[in-house]
Amino acid sequence: MSDFKAKGEISGILAEASTHESDRMKHRWDQEQHSLTHTLVIRDSANVKQGDYLTTAGRTFLVLLCEDPGNLGATGLIYLEERNDLK
């Protein structure tokens, strides 16, 4: 694993993704390698991109996709895969 610099804190609501949501969104990234497990809803926007890692309370998540619904910068959706092989 390569070193990466912390980008700061992101505040939001972390929700476990349902199987239906995972199936509905799988066309948006490489489903063979990654699976949607959680969605993070944030206020404003975050400086993260696909492939970044987010950590909280000893849990690590891979960023699959970031969205800005409405393109207003008021809220954001970050689709995540929880990774147990990284600490």
C-alpha atoms as a PDB file:
ATOM      1  CA  MET A   1       0.000   0.000   0.000  1.00  0.00           C
ATOM      2  CA  SER A   2       1.343   3.422  -0.873  1.00  0.00           C
ATOM      3  CA  ASP A   3       1.517   6.289   1.593  1.00  0.00           C
ATOM      4  CA  PHE A   4      -1.159   8.934   1.434  1.00  0.00           C
ATOM      5  CA  LYS A   5      -1.672  12.247   3.167  1.00  0.00           C
ATOM      6  CA  ALA A   6      -4.678  13.031   5.291  1.00  0.00           C
ATOM      7  CA  LYS A   7      -7.079  15.373   3.540  1.00  0.00           C
ATOM      8  CA  GLY A   8      -8.836  16.556   6.666  1.00  0.00           C
ATOM      9  CA  GLU A   9     -12.065  15.609   8.311  1.00  0.00           C
ATOM     10  CA  ILE A  10     -15.337  14.811   6.588  1.00  0.00           C
ATOM     11  CA  SER A  11     -18.519  15.085   8.587  1.00  0.00           C
ATOM     12  CA  GLY A  12     -21.587  13.188   7.465  1.00  0.00           C
ATOM     13  CA  ILE A  13     -24.000  10.347   7.981  1.00  0.00           C
ATOM     14  CA  LEU A  14     -22.743   6.838   7.189  1.00  0.00           C
ATOM     15  CA  ALA A  15     -25.428   4.365   6.115  1.00  0.00           C
ATOM     16  CA  GLU A  16     -25.126   0.721   5.193  1.00  0.00           C
ATOM     17  CA  ALA A  17     -26.147   0.150   1.572  1.00  0.00           C
ATOM     18  CA  SER A  18     -28.924  -2.281   0.770  1.00  0.00           C
ATOM     19  CA  THR A  19     -28.486  -5.057  -1.778  1.00  0.00           C
ATOM     20  CA  HIS A  20     -30.987  -3.245  -4.014  1.00  0.00           C
ATOM     21  CA  GLU A  21     -28.940  -0.039  -3.937  1.00  0.00           C
ATOM     22  CA  SER A  22     -25.739  -1.967  -4.628  1.00  0.00           C
ATOM     23  CA  ASP A  23     -27.304  -3.701  -7.642  1.00  0.00           C
ATOM     24  CA  ARG A  24     -28.774  -0.425  -8.930  1.00  0.00           C
ATOM     25  CA  MET A  25     -25.422   1.387  -8.785  1.00  0.00           C
ATOM     26  CA  LYS A  26     -23.026  -1.363  -9.911  1.00  0.00           C
ATOM     27  CA  HIS A  27     -22.774  -0.070 -13.485  1.00  0.00           C
ATOM     28  CA  ARG A  28     -20.972   3.049 -12.213  1.00  0.00           C
ATOM     29  CA  TRP A  29     -17.686   1.355 -11.236  1.00  0.00           C
ATOM     30  CA  ASP A  30     -15.849  -1.947 -11.740  1.00  0.00           C
ATOM     31  CA  GLN A  31     -18.272  -4.315  -9.992  1.00  0.00           C
ATOM     32  CA  GLU A  32     -15.999  -7.328 -10.463  1.00  0.00           C
ATOM     33  CA  GLN A  33     -13.432  -5.829  -8.100  1.00  0.00           C
ATOM     34  CA  HIS A  34     -15.476  -3.619  -5.780  1.00  0.00           C
ATOM     35  CA  SER A  35     -18.856  -3.801  -4.113  1.00  0.00           C
ATOM     36  CA  LEU A  36     -20.899  -0.965  -2.612  1.00  0.00           C
ATOM     37  CA  THR A  37     -21.298  -1.495   1.139  1.00  0.00           C
ATOM     38  CA  HIS A  38     -21.988   2.017   2.510  1.00  0.00           C
ATOM     39  CA  THR A  39     -23.115   5.493   1.472  1.00  0.00           C
ATOM     40  CA  LEU A  40     -21.866   8.652   3.171  1.00  0.00           C
ATOM     41  CA  VAL A  41     -24.128  11.706   2.974  1.00  0.00           C
ATOM     42  CA  ILE A  42     -22.251  14.952   3.573  1.00  0.00           C
ATOM     43  CA  ARG A  43     -23.007  18.656   3.762  1.00  0.00           C
ATOM     44  CA  ASP A  44     -21.153  20.840   1.263  1.00  0.00           C
ATOM     45  CA  SER A  45     -18.522  18.956  -0.720  1.00  0.00           C
ATOM     46  CA  ALA A  46     -15.434  16.893   0.078  1.00  0.00           C
ATOM     47  CA  ASN A  47     -12.005  16.819  -1.495  1.00  0.00           C
ATOM     48  CA  VAL A  48     -12.031  13.068  -2.195  1.00  0.00           C
ATOM     49  CA  LYS A  49     -11.913  11.097  -5.406  1.00  0.00           C
ATOM     50  CA  GLN A  50     -12.363   7.522  -6.530  1.00  0.00           C
ATOM     51  CA  GLY A  51      -9.651   5.306  -5.050  1.00  0.00           C
ATOM     52  CA  ASP A  52      -9.111   7.361  -1.874  1.00  0.00           C
ATOM     53  CA  TYR A  53      -9.452   5.759   1.562  1.00  0.00           C
ATOM     54  CA  LEU A  54     -11.491   7.131   4.456  1.00  0.00           C
ATOM     55  CA  THR A  55     -11.061   5.897   8.021  1.00  0.00           C
ATOM     56  CA  THR A  56     -13.193   6.241  11.127  1.00  0.00           C
ATOM     57  CA  ALA A  57     -13.278   4.410  14.448  1.00  0.00           C
ATOM     58  CA  GLY A  58     -10.834   1.757  13.240  1.00  0.00           C
ATOM     59  CA  ARG A  59     -12.790   1.108  10.011  1.00  0.00           C
ATOM     60  CA  THR A  60     -11.426   1.761   6.516  1.00  0.00           C
ATOM     61  CA  PHE A  61     -13.485   2.523   3.417  1.00  0.00           C
ATOM     62  CA  LEU A  62     -12.495   2.713  -0.253  1.00  0.00           C
ATOM     63  CA  VAL A  63     -14.151   5.564  -2.178  1.00  0.00           C
ATOM     64  CA  LEU A  64     -15.958   4.126  -5.199  1.00  0.00           C
ATOM     65  CA  LEU A  65     -17.675   7.294  -6.425  1.00  0.00           C
ATOM     66  CA  CYS A  66     -18.443  10.869  -5.319  1.00  0.00           C
ATOM     67  CA  GLU A  67     -21.544  12.727  -6.441  1.00  0.00           C
ATOM     68  CA  ASP A  68     -22.864  16.251  -6.055  1.00  0.00           C
ATOM     69  CA  PRO A  69     -26.643  15.933  -6.488  1.00  0.00           C
ATOM     70  CA  GLY A  70     -27.985  19.008  -8.228  1.00  0.00           C
ATOM     71  CA  ASN A  71     -24.464  20.339  -8.880  1.00  0.00           C
ATOM     72  CA  LEU A  72     -24.970  23.000  -6.207  1.00  0.00           C
ATOM     73  CA  GLY A  73     -22.231  22.006  -3.759  1.00  0.00           C
ATOM     74  CA  ALA A  74     -24.789  21.939  -0.935  1.00  0.00           C
ATOM     75  CA  THR A  75     -24.668  18.187  -0.317  1.00  0.00           C
ATOM     76  CA  GLY A  76     -22.628  15.249  -1.468  1.00  0.00           C
ATOM     77  CA  LEU A  77     -22.896  11.487  -1.741  1.00  0.00           C
ATOM     78  CA  ILE A  78     -19.843   9.293  -1.367  1.00  0.00           C
ATOM     79  CA  TYR A  79     -20.261   5.626  -2.250  1.00  0.00           C
ATOM     80  CA  LEU A  80     -17.930   3.364  -0.268  1.00  0.00           C
ATOM     81  CA  GLU A  81     -16.706  -0.179   0.083  1.00  0.00           C
ATOM     82  CA  GLU A  82     -15.690  -1.210   3.604  1.00  0.00           C
ATOM     83  CA  ARG A  83     -12.289  -2.876   3.550  1.00  0.00           C
ATOM     84  CA  ASN A  84     -11.291  -5.239   6.337  1.00  0.00           C
ATOM     85  CA  ASP A  85      -7.857  -5.946   4.844  1.00  0.00           C
ATOM     86  CA  LEU A  86      -6.603  -2.385   5.486  1.00  0.00           C
ATOM     87  CA  LYS A  87      -6.048  -0.735   8.850  1.00  0.00           C
END
